[in-house]
Amino acid sequence: MKIVLFLQHFEGFMENFSEIKKTKIFAEISENDMQAMAYCLKIKFKNYNKNALIIEQGQPAEEVAILLKGGAKVENIDTFGDISLITKLKAGDVFGVENSFLGETQYKDNLIATENCLVMFLNRHRLITPCENKCKRHDLVVKNLMRVIVERNKALMEKLKLLSKKNIREKLLAYLHNQSIKAGSSYFDLPYNKTELANYLSVDRSALSTTLSKLREEGLIDFDKKHYHINNKAFEKLQ
């Protein structure tokens, strides 16, 4: 039985190796070491169609999910039934890692496919518990996971700063300015459409659209769907 399971983990691992080696968690780990970890971490793969629920808020947090192909979004439903968009994930991004290290027994958010996607699941108990051989490759994976958590917390702090702004205008200006800096250009694409952006910034969609239009009239920005351009000279005058 163990041999059969090993072959299943190994075959799936090798079939998706090109995607796996691009992820931050397996950075700096050789192909041979990754093959050896396939069974150790009980790695499995599953394909999902667009809009499919990959992980449901409240279900037992037994695995860490890594998006290998496609896209997904993280949403939270509060006690009143209101839905908040936490973030969007792209290939290489991780979901559920905080649950593993904090010892939480349930997932705090929903993970939903925004397009057809391939997800790799790692057993969280195997992930955070050193294996019998105490191999260096396992330690490296844990270190890589810690880097992911640090980056996630940095993104969370950035969002909290945005949400602390006094009004929609300030939230938008700060968000667009940050996106321009990340892109290294005054021209950039947003990961969200207007509805998603309003959800992300916790503002009314109609009010968001009105504010965007006013900012364009003032010559601060221009946009077409998800494509944006900011006037850096105009932004400098606001500082």
Protein backbone atom coordinates (compact mmCIF):
# COMPACT_ATOMS: atom_id res chain seq x y z
CA MET A 1 0.00 0.00 0.00
CA LYS A 2 2.81 2.39 0.91
CA ILE A 3 4.48 1.68 -2.41
CA VAL A 4 1.26 2.47 -4.29
CA LEU A 5 0.83 5.76 -2.38
CA PHE A 6 4.45 6.69 -3.00
CA LEU A 7 4.04 6.11 -6.75
CA GLN A 8 0.88 8.23 -6.79
CA HIS A 9 2.61 11.12 -5.00
CA PHE A 10 5.72 10.76 -7.15
CA GLU A 11 3.88 10.61 -10.49
CA GLY A 12 1.75 13.65 -9.67
CA PHE A 13 4.81 15.51 -8.46
CA MET A 14 6.83 14.87 -11.60
CA GLU A 15 3.88 15.63 -13.88
CA ASN A 16 3.58 19.11 -12.32
CA PHE A 17 7.26 19.64 -11.51
CA SER A 18 7.70 22.69 -13.77
CA GLU A 19 4.93 24.55 -11.88
CA ILE A 20 6.06 23.37 -8.44
CA LYS A 21 9.64 24.60 -8.81
CA LYS A 22 8.33 28.14 -9.49
CA THR A 23 6.65 28.38 -6.07
CA LYS A 24 8.28 30.26 -3.20
CA ILE A 25 7.87 27.32 -0.83
CA PHE A 26 10.08 25.05 -2.90
CA ALA A 27 12.64 27.71 -3.84
CA GLU A 28 16.26 26.52 -3.63
CA ILE A 29 15.22 22.88 -3.26
CA SER A 30 16.67 20.46 -5.82
CA GLU A 31 14.61 18.16 -8.00
CA ASN A 32 15.86 15.07 -6.14
CA ASP A 33 14.98 16.58 -2.77
CA MET A 34 11.52 17.58 -3.98
CA GLN A 35 10.91 14.05 -5.24
CA ALA A 36 11.82 12.68 -1.82
CA MET A 37 9.39 15.09 -0.15
CA ALA A 38 6.44 14.11 -2.33
CA TYR A 39 5.46 11.21 -0.08
CA CYS A 40 6.74 12.81 3.13
CA LEU A 41 4.33 15.74 2.83
CA LYS A 42 1.47 13.59 1.43
CA ILE A 43 1.30 15.87 -1.59
CA LYS A 44 -1.78 15.58 -3.78
CA PHE A 45 -3.16 17.52 -6.73
CA LYS A 46 -6.67 18.48 -7.79
CA ASN A 47 -8.15 20.45 -10.69
CA TYR A 48 -11.03 22.91 -10.17
CA ASN A 49 -13.35 24.65 -12.60
CA LYS A 50 -14.02 28.38 -12.52
CA ASN A 51 -16.20 29.46 -9.54
CA ALA A 52 -15.65 26.14 -7.74
CA LEU A 53 -15.28 26.24 -3.95
CA ILE A 54 -11.79 24.90 -3.26
CA ILE A 55 -11.78 25.33 0.51
CA GLU A 56 -14.78 26.31 2.63
CA GLN A 57 -14.61 28.66 5.59
CA GLY A 58 -15.04 26.65 8.78
CA GLN A 59 -13.92 23.28 7.43
CA PRO A 60 -11.07 21.45 9.25
CA ALA A 61 -7.72 23.02 8.40
CA GLU A 62 -5.79 19.89 7.54
CA GLU A 63 -3.84 21.09 4.50
CA VAL A 64 -1.92 23.97 2.99
CA ALA A 65 -3.01 24.76 -0.56
CA ILE A 66 -0.64 26.05 -3.26
CA LEU A 67 -2.09 27.39 -6.49
CA LEU A 68 -0.06 25.95 -9.37
CA LYS A 69 -2.18 27.08 -12.33
CA GLY A 70 -5.02 29.55 -12.80
CA GLY A 71 -6.39 32.02 -10.27
CA ALA A 72 -8.46 32.11 -7.08
CA LYS A 73 -9.84 34.56 -4.56
CA VAL A 74 -10.00 34.57 -0.77
CA GLU A 75 -13.30 35.70 0.73
CA ASN A 76 -14.60 35.96 4.28
CA ILE A 77 -18.23 35.78 5.39
CA ASP A 78 -18.93 37.46 8.73
CA THR A 79 -21.65 36.60 11.24
CA PHE A 80 -24.09 38.92 9.44
CA GLY A 81 -23.55 37.17 6.10
CA ASP A 82 -21.58 40.03 4.56
CA ILE A 83 -18.84 38.93 2.15
CA SER A 84 -15.44 40.62 2.13
CA LEU A 85 -12.83 40.11 -0.56
CA ILE A 86 -9.53 39.52 1.24
CA THR A 87 -7.23 39.08 -1.74
CA LYS A 88 -6.74 37.37 -5.08
CA LEU A 89 -4.25 34.57 -5.63
CA LYS A 90 -2.20 33.77 -8.70
CA ALA A 91 -0.06 30.78 -9.62
CA GLY A 92 2.53 30.17 -6.90
CA ASP A 93 0.50 31.74 -4.08
CA VAL A 94 -0.29 29.87 -0.87
CA PHE A 95 -3.48 29.50 1.19
CA GLY A 96 -3.84 28.20 4.74
CA VAL A 97 -0.24 28.50 5.87
CA GLU A 98 -1.13 30.68 8.87
CA ASN A 99 -3.57 28.02 10.07
CA SER A 100 -0.73 25.50 10.16
CA PHE A 101 1.70 27.52 12.25
CA LEU A 102 -0.93 28.98 14.58
CA GLY A 103 -2.46 25.60 15.23
CA GLU A 104 -5.93 26.73 14.13
CA THR A 105 -8.31 23.85 13.53
CA GLN A 106 -10.57 25.55 10.95
CA TYR A 107 -10.03 27.67 7.86
CA LYS A 108 -11.02 31.31 8.45
CA ASP A 109 -11.87 32.08 4.81
CA ASN A 110 -13.27 30.62 1.61
CA LEU A 111 -10.95 29.85 -1.30
CA ILE A 112 -12.78 30.09 -4.62
CA ALA A 113 -11.49 29.48 -8.15
CA THR A 114 -11.75 32.57 -10.37
CA GLU A 115 -10.72 30.49 -13.38
CA ASN A 116 -9.90 26.86 -14.08
CA CYS A 117 -7.02 26.01 -11.79
CA LEU A 118 -4.72 23.32 -10.45
CA VAL A 119 -4.07 23.16 -6.69
CA MET A 120 -1.41 21.23 -4.79
CA PHE A 121 -2.22 20.25 -1.22
CA LEU A 122 0.35 19.55 1.51
CA ASN A 123 -0.49 17.84 4.79
CA ARG A 124 -0.11 20.58 7.41
CA HIS A 125 0.88 18.19 10.21
CA ARG A 126 3.67 16.69 8.11
CA LEU A 127 4.69 20.18 7.07
CA ILE A 128 5.23 21.68 10.53
CA THR A 129 6.51 18.52 12.22
CA PRO A 130 10.16 17.59 11.50
CA CYS A 131 10.41 14.26 9.72
CA GLU A 132 12.15 11.29 11.28
CA ASN A 133 15.30 11.88 9.24
CA LYS A 134 15.46 15.58 10.30
CA CYS A 135 16.41 16.44 6.73
CA LYS A 136 17.67 19.89 5.76
CA ARG A 137 15.24 20.10 2.87
CA HIS A 138 12.31 19.99 5.31
CA ASP A 139 13.85 22.80 7.34
CA LEU A 140 14.29 24.85 4.17
CA VAL A 141 10.63 24.42 3.24
CA VAL A 142 9.61 25.63 6.71
CA LYS A 143 11.90 28.67 6.35
CA ASN A 144 10.37 29.43 2.97
CA LEU A 145 6.91 29.19 4.52
CA MET A 146 7.93 31.66 7.20
CA ARG A 147 8.99 34.10 4.47
CA VAL A 148 5.55 33.69 2.89
CA ILE A 149 3.91 34.51 6.22
CA VAL A 150 6.05 37.63 6.63
CA GLU A 151 5.12 38.79 3.11
CA ARG A 152 1.44 38.06 3.82
CA ASN A 153 1.55 40.09 7.03
CA LYS A 154 3.20 42.95 5.16
CA ALA A 155 0.36 42.92 2.62
CA LEU A 156 -2.18 42.81 5.44
CA MET A 157 -0.62 45.84 7.12
CA GLU A 158 -0.71 47.66 3.80
CA LYS A 159 -4.42 46.93 3.47
CA LEU A 160 -5.11 48.05 7.05
CA LYS A 161 -3.41 51.38 6.29
CA LEU A 162 -5.65 51.81 3.26
CA LEU A 163 -8.79 51.02 5.22
CA SER A 164 -7.79 53.53 7.90
CA LYS A 165 -7.94 56.41 5.39
CA LYS A 166 -10.72 58.91 6.08
CA ASN A 167 -12.65 58.64 2.81
CA ILE A 168 -12.92 56.84 -0.54
CA ARG A 169 -10.78 59.42 -2.32
CA GLU A 170 -7.85 58.94 0.04
CA LYS A 171 -8.20 55.15 -0.07
CA LEU A 172 -8.18 55.15 -3.86
CA LEU A 173 -5.25 57.53 -4.21
CA ALA A 174 -3.17 55.55 -1.73
CA TYR A 175 -4.07 52.22 -3.34
CA LEU A 176 -3.37 53.34 -6.91
CA HIS A 177 -0.11 54.99 -5.85
CA ASN A 178 1.00 51.73 -4.18
CA GLN A 179 0.11 49.71 -7.28
CA SER A 180 2.13 52.09 -9.45
CA ILE A 181 5.15 51.69 -7.19
CA LYS A 182 4.86 47.89 -7.30
CA ALA A 183 4.59 47.95 -11.10
CA GLY A 184 7.50 50.36 -11.40
CA SER A 185 5.47 52.38 -13.88
CA SER A 186 2.71 54.95 -14.04
CA TYR A 187 0.86 52.44 -16.25
CA PHE A 188 -0.35 49.28 -14.56
CA ASP A 189 -3.16 46.71 -14.35
CA LEU A 190 -5.22 46.13 -11.23
CA PRO A 191 -6.06 42.59 -10.08
CA TYR A 192 -9.65 43.72 -9.38
CA ASN A 193 -12.60 44.96 -11.38
CA LYS A 194 -14.63 47.85 -9.91
CA THR A 195 -16.95 45.62 -7.90
CA GLU A 196 -14.02 43.68 -6.45
CA LEU A 197 -12.06 46.87 -5.78
CA ALA A 198 -15.00 48.35 -3.88
CA ASN A 199 -15.22 45.14 -1.87
CA TYR A 200 -11.48 45.14 -1.21
CA LEU A 201 -11.53 48.75 0.01
CA SER A 202 -14.81 48.22 1.91
CA VAL A 203 -16.63 51.02 0.10
CA ASP A 204 -19.84 51.37 -1.91
CA ARG A 205 -19.39 50.51 -5.58
CA SER A 206 -21.39 53.49 -6.87
CA ALA A 207 -19.43 55.85 -4.65
CA LEU A 208 -16.21 54.26 -5.88
CA SER A 209 -17.18 54.79 -9.53
CA THR A 210 -18.10 58.42 -8.82
CA THR A 211 -14.77 59.04 -7.11
CA LEU A 212 -12.84 57.41 -9.95
CA SER A 213 -14.62 59.64 -12.46
CA LYS A 214 -13.80 62.76 -10.42
CA LEU A 215 -10.14 61.79 -10.17
CA ARG A 216 -10.04 61.35 -13.94
CA GLU A 217 -11.69 64.74 -14.47
CA GLU A 218 -9.01 66.29 -12.25
CA GLY A 219 -6.31 64.75 -14.42
CA LEU A 220 -4.96 62.59 -11.61
CA ILE A 221 -5.70 59.26 -13.25
CA ASP A 222 -7.01 57.63 -16.40
CA PHE A 223 -8.35 54.11 -16.74
CA ASP A 224 -9.99 51.58 -19.01
CA LYS A 225 -11.46 48.60 -17.17
CA LYS A 226 -8.51 47.19 -15.18
CA HIS A 227 -5.86 49.25 -17.01
CA TYR A 228 -4.80 52.39 -15.13
CA HIS A 229 -2.48 55.33 -15.54
CA ILE A 230 -1.63 57.86 -12.84
CA ASN A 231 -0.32 61.37 -13.37
CA ASN A 232 2.77 61.38 -11.15
CA LYS A 233 3.23 65.14 -11.38
CA ALA A 234 -0.32 65.68 -10.22
CA PHE A 235 0.21 63.19 -7.41
CA GLU A 236 3.34 65.05 -6.27
CA LYS A 237 1.29 68.20 -5.76
CA LEU A 238 -0.93 66.32 -3.34
CA GLN A 239 1.97 65.38 -1.07
